[in-house]
Amino acid sequence: MLPDRDGLLSAIDGAITAARRLQAADLRMSSGASARPHLERLLDDLRVKRGEIAAGGSLDREWAGRVVRAVAEWIPDQELPLIARLGQIVRMGSGG
């Protein structure tokens, strides 16, 4: 099954929105340190990937997997909905 480009872009937009909300709330990691640098890096990656896909590119599943694993390393347990948003990107990139 081919990926739904609009659905994939929507999934990326959802992840961007979720990350921005956490950034605005000054999310803290379980260590107490600010998650801002991690969120900024994630937002940069998502914006770049969104631009590539909007321009006709495809989702690199390895990239998506690396992003999910990296975020899972620092995101507090109560913020796992961001991981779910990232998982939606993977699902939509796989054809839904």
PDB file of N, CA and C in Angstrom:
ATOM      1  N   MET A   1       0.832  -1.173   0.000  1.00  0.00           N
ATOM      2  CA  MET A   1       0.000   0.000   0.000  1.00  0.00           C
ATOM      3  C   MET A   1       0.884   1.245   0.000  1.00  0.00           C
ATOM      4  N   LEU A   2       0.559   2.204  -0.858  1.00  0.00           N
ATOM      5  CA  LEU A   2       1.329   3.434  -0.937  1.00  0.00           C
ATOM      6  C   LEU A   2       0.965   4.378   0.196  1.00  0.00           C
ATOM      7  N   PRO A   3       1.955   5.144   0.686  1.00  0.00           N
ATOM      8  CA  PRO A   3       1.665   6.101   1.750  1.00  0.00           C
ATOM      9  C   PRO A   3       0.711   7.191   1.268  1.00  0.00           C
ATOM     10  N   ASP A   4      -0.114   7.670   2.155  1.00  0.00           N
ATOM     11  CA  ASP A   4      -1.015   8.791   1.926  1.00  0.00           C
ATOM     12  C   ASP A   4      -0.238  10.061   2.277  1.00  0.00           C
ATOM     13  N   ARG A   5       0.201  10.801   1.254  1.00  0.00           N
ATOM     14  CA  ARG A   5       1.048  11.975   1.486  1.00  0.00           C
ATOM     15  C   ARG A   5       0.363  12.991   2.407  1.00  0.00           C
ATOM     16  N   ASP A   6      -0.930  13.262   2.178  1.00  0.00           N
ATOM     17  CA  ASP A   6      -1.640  14.219   3.032  1.00  0.00           C
ATOM     18  C   ASP A   6      -1.713  13.717   4.467  1.00  0.00           C
ATOM     19  N   GLY A   7      -1.968  12.419   4.626  1.00  0.00           N
ATOM     20  CA  GLY A   7      -2.014  11.840   5.963  1.00  0.00           C
ATOM     21  C   GLY A   7      -0.660  11.900   6.652  1.00  0.00           C
ATOM     22  N   LEU A   8       0.390  11.666   5.884  1.00  0.00           N
ATOM     23  CA  LEU A   8       1.749  11.722   6.431  1.00  0.00           C
ATOM     24  C   LEU A   8       2.094  13.145   6.853  1.00  0.00           C
ATOM     25  N   LEU A   9       1.763  14.118   6.002  1.00  0.00           N
ATOM     26  CA  LEU A   9       2.016  15.523   6.363  1.00  0.00           C
ATOM     27  C   LEU A   9       1.216  15.915   7.596  1.00  0.00           C
ATOM     28  N   SER A  10      -0.011  15.440   7.681  1.00  0.00           N
ATOM     29  CA  SER A  10      -0.847  15.723   8.852  1.00  0.00           C
ATOM     30  C   SER A  10      -0.246  15.103  10.116  1.00  0.00           C
ATOM     31  N   ALA A  11       0.287  13.897   9.996  1.00  0.00           N
ATOM     32  CA  ALA A  11       0.923  13.241  11.143  1.00  0.00           C
ATOM     33  C   ALA A  11       2.157  14.021  11.593  1.00  0.00           C
ATOM     34  N   ILE A  12       2.931  14.500  10.644  1.00  0.00           N
ATOM     35  CA  ILE A  12       4.106  15.310  10.994  1.00  0.00           C
ATOM     36  C   ILE A  12       3.661  16.604  11.657  1.00  0.00           C
ATOM     37  N   ASP A  13       2.623  17.236  11.104  1.00  0.00           N
ATOM     38  CA  ASP A  13       2.106  18.468  11.707  1.00  0.00           C
ATOM     39  C   ASP A  13       1.646  18.225  13.142  1.00  0.00           C
ATOM     40  N   GLY A  14       1.019  17.076  13.393  1.00  0.00           N
ATOM     41  CA  GLY A  14       0.585  16.741  14.744  1.00  0.00           C
ATOM     42  C   GLY A  14       1.755  16.598  15.699  1.00  0.00           C
ATOM     43  N   ALA A  15       2.823  15.980  15.228  1.00  0.00           N
ATOM     44  CA  ALA A  15       4.018  15.826  16.064  1.00  0.00           C
ATOM     45  C   ALA A  15       4.676  17.179  16.321  1.00  0.00           C
ATOM     46  N   ILE A  16       4.698  18.039  15.306  1.00  0.00           N
ATOM     47  CA  ILE A  16       5.254  19.386  15.482  1.00  0.00           C
ATOM     48  C   ILE A  16       4.443  20.157  16.519  1.00  0.00           C
ATOM     49  N   THR A  17       3.126  20.089  16.411  1.00  0.00           N
ATOM     50  CA  THR A  17       2.264  20.778  17.373  1.00  0.00           C
ATOM     51  C   THR A  17       2.489  20.268  18.786  1.00  0.00           C
ATOM     52  N   ALA A  18       2.570  18.950  18.947  1.00  0.00           N
ATOM     53  CA  ALA A  18       2.801  18.365  20.274  1.00  0.00           C
ATOM     54  C   ALA A  18       4.150  18.804  20.839  1.00  0.00           C
ATOM     55  N   ALA A  19       5.183  18.814  20.011  1.00  0.00           N
ATOM     56  CA  ALA A  19       6.514  19.224  20.470  1.00  0.00           C
ATOM     57  C   ALA A  19       6.529  20.712  20.840  1.00  0.00           C
ATOM     58  N   ARG A  20       5.833  21.532  20.065  1.00  0.00           N
ATOM     59  CA  ARG A  20       5.763  22.966  20.394  1.00  0.00           C
ATOM     60  C   ARG A  20       5.054  23.195  21.724  1.00  0.00           C
ATOM     61  N   ARG A  21       4.000  22.430  21.981  1.00  0.00           N
ATOM     62  CA  ARG A  21       3.289  22.566  23.259  1.00  0.00           C
ATOM     63  C   ARG A  21       4.210  22.223  24.422  1.00  0.00           C
ATOM     64  N   LEU A  22       4.969  21.158  24.274  1.00  0.00           N
ATOM     65  CA  LEU A  22       5.899  20.775  25.340  1.00  0.00           C
ATOM     66  C   LEU A  22       6.987  21.823  25.512  1.00  0.00           C
ATOM     67  N   GLN A  23       7.427  22.394  24.412  1.00  0.00           N
ATOM     68  CA  GLN A  23       8.446  23.442  24.470  1.00  0.00           C
ATOM     69  C   GLN A  23       7.887  24.672  25.195  1.00  0.00           C
ATOM     70  N   ALA A  24       6.656  25.064  24.868  1.00  0.00           N
ATOM     71  CA  ALA A  24       6.025  26.228  25.503  1.00  0.00           C
ATOM     72  C   ALA A  24       5.808  25.997  26.997  1.00  0.00           C
ATOM     73  N   ALA A  25       5.592  24.742  27.372  1.00  0.00           N
ATOM     74  CA  ALA A  25       5.379  24.392  28.775  1.00  0.00           C
ATOM     75  C   ALA A  25       6.698  24.203  29.530  1.00  0.00           C
ATOM     76  N   ASP A  26       7.824  24.426  28.844  1.00  0.00           N
ATOM     77  CA  ASP A  26       9.155  24.258  29.431  1.00  0.00           C
ATOM     78  C   ASP A  26       9.324  22.860  30.032  1.00  0.00           C
ATOM     79  N   LEU A  27       9.078  21.865  29.189  1.00  0.00           N
ATOM     80  CA  LEU A  27       9.175  20.471  29.613  1.00  0.00           C
ATOM     81  C   LEU A  27      10.520  20.187  30.271  1.00  0.00           C
ATOM     82  N   ARG A  28      10.466  19.446  31.352  1.00  0.00           N
ATOM     83  CA  ARG A  28      11.657  18.983  32.054  1.00  0.00           C
ATOM     84  C   ARG A  28      11.776  17.475  31.887  1.00  0.00           C
ATOM     85  N   MET A  29      12.990  17.031  31.697  1.00  0.00           N
ATOM     86  CA  MET A  29      13.238  15.591  31.635  1.00  0.00           C
ATOM     87  C   MET A  29      13.186  15.039  33.054  1.00  0.00           C
ATOM     88  N   SER A  30      13.181  13.736  33.198  1.00  0.00           N
ATOM     89  CA  SER A  30      13.115  13.143  34.537  1.00  0.00           C
ATOM     90  C   SER A  30      14.317  13.538  35.387  1.00  0.00           C
ATOM     91  N   SER A  31      15.410  13.902  34.753  1.00  0.00           N
ATOM     92  CA  SER A  31      16.597  14.363  35.490  1.00  0.00           C
ATOM     93  C   SER A  31      16.420  15.769  36.047  1.00  0.00           C
ATOM     94  N   GLY A  32      15.375  16.466  35.590  1.00  0.00           N
ATOM     95  CA  GLY A  32      15.152  17.844  36.010  1.00  0.00           C
ATOM     96  C   GLY A  32      15.701  18.860  35.024  1.00  0.00           C
ATOM     97  N   ALA A  33      16.530  18.410  34.098  1.00  0.00           N
ATOM     98  CA  ALA A  33      17.101  19.313  33.092  1.00  0.00           C
ATOM     99  C   ALA A  33      16.036  19.691  32.059  1.00  0.00           C
ATOM    100  N   SER A  34      16.222  20.834  31.460  1.00  0.00           N
ATOM    101  CA  SER A  34      15.299  21.295  30.429  1.00  0.00           C
ATOM    102  C   SER A  34      15.381  20.389  29.195  1.00  0.00           C
ATOM    103  N   ALA A  35      14.220  20.107  28.637  1.00  0.00           N
ATOM    104  CA  ALA A  35      14.159  19.321  27.402  1.00  0.00           C
ATOM    105  C   ALA A  35      14.238  20.223  26.171  1.00  0.00           C
ATOM    106  N   ARG A  36      14.350  21.519  26.374  1.00  0.00           N
ATOM    107  CA  ARG A  36      14.339  22.481  25.263  1.00  0.00           C
ATOM    108  C   ARG A  36      15.333  22.129  24.148  1.00  0.00           C
ATOM    109  N   PRO A  37      16.598  21.817  24.435  1.00  0.00           N
ATOM    110  CA  PRO A  37      17.522  21.486  23.334  1.00  0.00           C
ATOM    111  C   PRO A  37      17.068  20.268  22.529  1.00  0.00           C
ATOM    112  N   HIS A  38      16.531  19.279  23.224  1.00  0.00           N
ATOM    113  CA  HIS A  38      16.033  18.076  22.536  1.00  0.00           C
ATOM    114  C   HIS A  38      14.818  18.410  21.681  1.00  0.00           C
ATOM    115  N   LEU A  39      13.910  19.221  22.234  1.00  0.00           N
ATOM    116  CA  LEU A  39      12.711  19.597  21.483  1.00  0.00           C
ATOM    117  C   LEU A  39      13.066  20.446  20.267  1.00  0.00           C
ATOM    118  N   GLU A  40      14.032  21.342  20.421  1.00  0.00           N
ATOM    119  CA  GLU A  40      14.446  22.173  19.280  1.00  0.00           C
ATOM    120  C   GLU A  40      15.029  21.314  18.168  1.00  0.00           C
ATOM    121  N   ARG A  41      15.843  20.339  18.533  1.00  0.00           N
ATOM    122  CA  ARG A  41      16.431  19.435  17.545  1.00  0.00           C
ATOM    123  C   ARG A  41      15.334  18.615  16.862  1.00  0.00           C
ATOM    124  N   LEU A  42      14.382  18.121  17.662  1.00  0.00           N
ATOM    125  CA  LEU A  42      13.263  17.353  17.105  1.00  0.00           C
ATOM    126  C   LEU A  42      12.447  18.213  16.146  1.00  0.00           C
ATOM    127  N   LEU A  43      12.135  19.434  16.549  1.00  0.00           N
ATOM    128  CA  LEU A  43      11.361  20.322  15.682  1.00  0.00           C
ATOM    129  C   LEU A  43      12.103  20.612  14.382  1.00  0.00           C
ATOM    130  N   ASP A  44      13.394  20.850  14.470  1.00  0.00           N
ATOM    131  CA  ASP A  44      14.189  21.075  13.248  1.00  0.00           C
ATOM    132  C   ASP A  44      14.105  19.860  12.327  1.00  0.00           C
ATOM    133  N   ASP A  45      14.294  18.670  12.892  1.00  0.00           N
ATOM    134  CA  ASP A  45      14.239  17.435  12.090  1.00  0.00           C
ATOM    135  C   ASP A  45      12.873  17.253  11.441  1.00  0.00           C
ATOM    136  N   LEU A  46      11.822  17.500  12.215  1.00  0.00           N
ATOM    137  CA  LEU A  46      10.464  17.330  11.681  1.00  0.00           C
ATOM    138  C   LEU A  46      10.166  18.341  10.570  1.00  0.00           C
ATOM    139  N   ARG A  47      10.603  19.581  10.751  1.00  0.00           N
ATOM    140  CA  ARG A  47      10.373  20.601   9.719  1.00  0.00           C
ATOM    141  C   ARG A  47      11.094  20.239   8.423  1.00  0.00           C
ATOM    142  N   VAL A  48      12.331  19.788   8.534  1.00  0.00           N
ATOM    143  CA  VAL A  48      13.090  19.396   7.342  1.00  0.00           C
ATOM    144  C   VAL A  48      12.403  18.228   6.645  1.00  0.00           C
ATOM    145  N   LYS A  49      12.039  17.212   7.420  1.00  0.00           N
ATOM    146  CA  LYS A  49      11.397  16.036   6.831  1.00  0.00           C
ATOM    147  C   LYS A  49      10.060  16.412   6.208  1.00  0.00           C
ATOM    148  N   ARG A  50       9.311  17.308   6.844  1.00  0.00           N
ATOM    149  CA  ARG A  50       8.032  17.746   6.282  1.00  0.00           C
ATOM    150  C   ARG A  50       8.252  18.421   4.928  1.00  0.00           C
ATOM    151  N   GLY A  51       9.265  19.278   4.851  1.00  0.00           N
ATOM    152  CA  GLY A  51       9.567  19.939   3.586  1.00  0.00           C
ATOM    153  C   GLY A  51       9.930  18.958   2.489  1.00  0.00           C
ATOM    154  N   GLU A  52      10.718  17.953   2.841  1.00  0.00           N
ATOM    155  CA  GLU A  52      11.107  16.929   1.860  1.00  0.00           C
ATOM    156  C   GLU A  52       9.893  16.165   1.344  1.00  0.00           C
ATOM    157  N   ILE A  53       9.014  15.806   2.252  1.00  0.00           N
ATOM    158  CA  ILE A  53       7.830  15.034   1.857  1.00  0.00           C
ATOM    159  C   ILE A  53       6.868  15.904   1.058  1.00  0.00           C
ATOM    160  N   ALA A  54       6.696  17.157   1.469  1.00  0.00           N
ATOM    161  CA  ALA A  54       5.819  18.069   0.723  1.00  0.00           C
ATOM    162  C   ALA A  54       6.333  18.280  -0.696  1.00  0.00           C
ATOM    163  N   ALA A  55       7.662  18.193  -0.862  1.00  0.00           N
ATOM    164  CA  ALA A  55       8.274  18.371  -2.184  1.00  0.00           C
ATOM    165  C   ALA A  55       8.268  17.085  -3.008  1.00  0.00           C
ATOM    166  N   GLY A  56       7.655  16.029  -2.478  1.00  0.00           N
ATOM    167  CA  GLY A  56       7.551  14.785  -3.244  1.00  0.00           C
ATOM    168  C   GLY A  56       8.424  13.657  -2.759  1.00  0.00           C
ATOM    169  N   GLY A  57       9.197  13.895  -1.713  1.00  0.00           N
ATOM    170  CA  GLY A  57      10.055  12.846  -1.180  1.00  0.00           C
ATOM    171  C   GLY A  57       9.252  11.806  -0.413  1.00  0.00           C
ATOM    172  N   SER A  58       9.937  10.765   0.000  1.00  0.00           N
ATOM    173  CA  SER A  58       9.271   9.714   0.768  1.00  0.00           C
ATOM    174  C   SER A  58       9.865   9.670   2.173  1.00  0.00           C
ATOM    175  N   LEU A  59       9.152   8.988   3.045  1.00  0.00           N
ATOM    176  CA  LEU A  59       9.610   8.860   4.422  1.00  0.00           C
ATOM    177  C   LEU A  59      10.677   7.779   4.512  1.00  0.00           C
ATOM    178  N   ASP A  60      11.777   8.115   5.116  1.00  0.00           N
ATOM    179  CA  ASP A  60      12.839   7.149   5.393  1.00  0.00           C
ATOM    180  C   ASP A  60      12.493   6.476   6.719  1.00  0.00           C
ATOM    181  N   ARG A  61      12.075   5.222   6.648  1.00  0.00           N
ATOM    182  CA  ARG A  61      11.649   4.517   7.862  1.00  0.00           C
ATOM    183  C   ARG A  61      12.777   4.391   8.882  1.00  0.00           C
ATOM    184  N   GLU A  62      14.010   4.285   8.425  1.00  0.00           N
ATOM    185  CA  GLU A  62      15.130   4.224   9.368  1.00  0.00           C
ATOM    186  C   GLU A  62      15.251   5.531  10.130  1.00  0.00           C
ATOM    187  N   TRP A  63      15.094   6.658   9.427  1.00  0.00           N
ATOM    188  CA  TRP A  63      15.113   7.968  10.081  1.00  0.00           C
ATOM    189  C   TRP A  63      14.014   8.028  11.140  1.00  0.00           C
ATOM    190  N   ALA A  64      12.812   7.628  10.749  1.00  0.00           N
ATOM    191  CA  ALA A  64      11.679   7.685  11.671  1.00  0.00           C
ATOM    192  C   ALA A  64      11.927   6.821  12.906  1.00  0.00           C
ATOM    193  N   GLY A  65      12.467   5.632  12.715  1.00  0.00           N
ATOM    194  CA  GLY A  65      12.778   4.762  13.838  1.00  0.00           C
ATOM    195  C   GLY A  65      13.820   5.363  14.764  1.00  0.00           C
ATOM    196  N   ARG A  66      14.839   5.989  14.167  1.00  0.00           N
ATOM    197  CA  ARG A  66      15.879   6.644  14.984  1.00  0.00           C
ATOM    198  C   ARG A  66      15.273   7.778  15.814  1.00  0.00           C
ATOM    199  N   VAL A  67      14.379   8.541  15.204  1.00  0.00           N
ATOM    200  CA  VAL A  67      13.748   9.655  15.921  1.00  0.00           C
ATOM    201  C   VAL A  67      12.928   9.136  17.093  1.00  0.00           C
ATOM    202  N   VAL A  68      12.118   8.123  16.858  1.00  0.00           N
ATOM    203  CA  VAL A  68      11.287   7.562  17.934  1.00  0.00           C
ATOM    204  C   VAL A  68      12.175   7.052  19.070  1.00  0.00           C
ATOM    205  N   ARG A  69      13.218   6.317  18.748  1.00  0.00           N
ATOM    206  CA  ARG A  69      14.114   5.783  19.796  1.00  0.00           C
ATOM    207  C   ARG A  69      14.819   6.907  20.545  1.00  0.00           C
ATOM    208  N   ALA A  70      15.273   7.919  19.829  1.00  0.00           N
ATOM    209  CA  ALA A  70      15.983   9.028  20.482  1.00  0.00           C
ATOM    210  C   ALA A  70      15.059   9.776  21.438  1.00  0.00           C
ATOM    211  N   VAL A  71      13.850  10.055  21.006  1.00  0.00           N
ATOM    212  CA  VAL A  71      12.907  10.773  21.865  1.00  0.00           C
ATOM    213  C   VAL A  71      12.533   9.918  23.072  1.00  0.00           C
ATOM    214  N   ALA A  72      12.359   8.621  22.879  1.00  0.00           N
ATOM    215  CA  ALA A  72      12.008   7.727  23.985  1.00  0.00           C
ATOM    216  C   ALA A  72      13.080   7.730  25.077  1.00  0.00           C
ATOM    217  N   GLU A  73      14.314   8.058  24.714  1.00  0.00           N
ATOM    218  CA  GLU A  73      15.399   8.077  25.700  1.00  0.00           C
ATOM    219  C   GLU A  73      15.285   9.242  26.679  1.00  0.00           C
ATOM    220  N   TRP A  74      14.723  10.380  26.246  1.00  0.00           N
ATOM    221  CA  TRP A  74      14.707  11.546  27.125  1.00  0.00           C
ATOM    222  C   TRP A  74      13.322  12.032  27.540  1.00  0.00           C
ATOM    223  N   ILE A  75      12.288  11.583  26.869  1.00  0.00           N
ATOM    224  CA  ILE A  75      10.939  12.094  27.181  1.00  0.00           C
ATOM    225  C   ILE A  75      10.429  11.488  28.492  1.00  0.00           C
ATOM    226  N   PRO A  76       9.884  12.305  29.388  1.00  0.00           N
ATOM    227  CA  PRO A  76       9.308  11.742  30.621  1.00  0.00           C
ATOM    228  C   PRO A  76       8.110  10.849  30.304  1.00  0.00           C
ATOM    229  N   ASP A  77       7.860   9.874  31.159  1.00  0.00           N
ATOM    230  CA  ASP A  77       6.782   8.913  30.929  1.00  0.00           C
ATOM    231  C   ASP A  77       5.428   9.579  30.724  1.00  0.00           C
ATOM    232  N   GLN A  78       5.157  10.669  31.430  1.00  0.00           N
ATOM    233  CA  GLN A  78       3.842  11.295  31.310  1.00  0.00           C
ATOM    234  C   GLN A  78       3.661  12.013  29.967  1.00  0.00           C
ATOM    235  N   GLU A  79       4.697  12.107  29.180  1.00  0.00           N
ATOM    236  CA  GLU A  79       4.604  12.781  27.882  1.00  0.00           C
ATOM    237  C   GLU A  79       4.703  11.785  26.725  1.00  0.00           C
ATOM    238  N   LEU A  80       4.363  10.552  26.964  1.00  0.00           N
ATOM    239  CA  LEU A  80       4.410   9.536  25.916  1.00  0.00           C
ATOM    240  C   LEU A  80       3.489   9.814  24.733  1.00  0.00           C
ATOM    241  N   PRO A  81       2.467  10.681  24.849  1.00  0.00           N
ATOM    242  CA  PRO A  81       1.686  11.007  23.657  1.00  0.00           C
ATOM    243  C   PRO A  81       2.536  11.553  22.502  1.00  0.00           C
ATOM    244  N   LEU A  82       3.654  12.191  22.801  1.00  0.00           N
ATOM    245  CA  LEU A  82       4.540  12.637  21.721  1.00  0.00           C
ATOM    246  C   LEU A  82       5.089  11.432  20.969  1.00  0.00           C
ATOM    247  N   ILE A  83       5.429  10.373  21.683  1.00  0.00           N
ATOM    248  CA  ILE A  83       5.900   9.148  21.038  1.00  0.00           C
ATOM    249  C   ILE A  83       4.791   8.586  20.147  1.00  0.00           C
ATOM    250  N   ALA A  84       3.556   8.642  20.621  1.00  0.00           N
ATOM    251  CA  ALA A  84       2.428   8.167  19.819  1.00  0.00           C
ATOM    252  C   ALA A  84       2.299   8.985  18.540  1.00  0.00           C
ATOM    253  N   ARG A  85       2.505  10.282  18.622  1.00  0.00           N
ATOM    254  CA  ARG A  85       2.456  11.134  17.424  1.00  0.00           C
ATOM    255  C   ARG A  85       3.555  10.748  16.438  1.00  0.00           C
ATOM    256  N   LEU A  86       4.730  10.477  16.955  1.00  0.00           N
ATOM    257  CA  LEU A  86       5.833  10.055  16.089  1.00  0.00           C
ATOM    258  C   LEU A  86       5.536   8.690  15.478  1.00  0.00           C
ATOM    259  N   GLY A  87       4.921   7.813  16.253  1.00  0.00           N
ATOM    260  CA  GLY A  87       4.525   6.508  15.728  1.00  0.00           C
ATOM    261  C   GLY A  87       3.511   6.637  14.602  1.00  0.00           C
ATOM    262  N   GLN A  88       2.649   7.633  14.690  1.00  0.00           N
ATOM    263  CA  GLN A  88       1.677   7.881  13.622  1.00  0.00           C
ATOM    264  C   GLN A  88       2.389   8.235  12.312  1.00  0.00           C
ATOM    265  N   ILE A  89       3.502   8.950  12.412  1.00  0.00           N
ATOM    266  CA  ILE A  89       4.286   9.268  11.214  1.00  0.00           C
ATOM    267  C   ILE A  89       4.768   7.978  10.561  1.00  0.00           C
ATOM    268  N   VAL A  90       5.276   7.065  11.372  1.00  0.00           N
ATOM    269  CA  VAL A  90       5.765   5.784  10.863  1.00  0.00           C
ATOM    270  C   VAL A  90       4.625   5.024  10.187  1.00  0.00           C
ATOM    271  N   ARG A  91       3.477   4.969  10.855  1.00  0.00           N
ATOM    272  CA  ARG A  91       2.326   4.249  10.294  1.00  0.00           C
ATOM    273  C   ARG A  91       1.874   4.861   8.971  1.00  0.00           C
ATOM    274  N   MET A  92       1.770   6.176   8.917  1.00  0.00           N
ATOM    275  CA  MET A  92       1.308   6.834   7.686  1.00  0.00           C
ATOM    276  C   MET A  92       2.347   6.672   6.576  1.00  0.00           C
ATOM    277  N   GLY A  93       3.621   6.674   6.937  1.00  0.00           N
ATOM    278  CA  GLY A  93       4.678   6.482   5.942  1.00  0.00           C
ATOM    279  C   GLY A  93       4.721   5.070   5.390  1.00  0.00           C
ATOM    280  N   SER A  94       4.049   4.160   6.108  1.00  0.00           N
ATOM    281  CA  SER A  94       4.001   2.765   5.678  1.00  0.00           C
ATOM    282  C   SER A  94       2.733   2.466   4.887  1.00  0.00           C
ATOM    283  N   GLY A  95       1.934   3.474   4.692  1.00  0.00           N
ATOM    284  CA  GLY A  95       0.707   3.269   3.938  1.00  0.00           C
ATOM    285  C   GLY A  95      -0.540   3.232   4.783  1.00  0.00           C
ATOM    286  N   GLY A  96      -0.390   3.629   6.028  1.00  0.00           N
ATOM    287  CA  GLY A  96      -1.550   3.854   6.803  1.00  0.00           C
ATOM    288  C   GLY A  96      -2.000   2.944   7.815  1.00  0.00           C
TER     289      GLY A  96
END
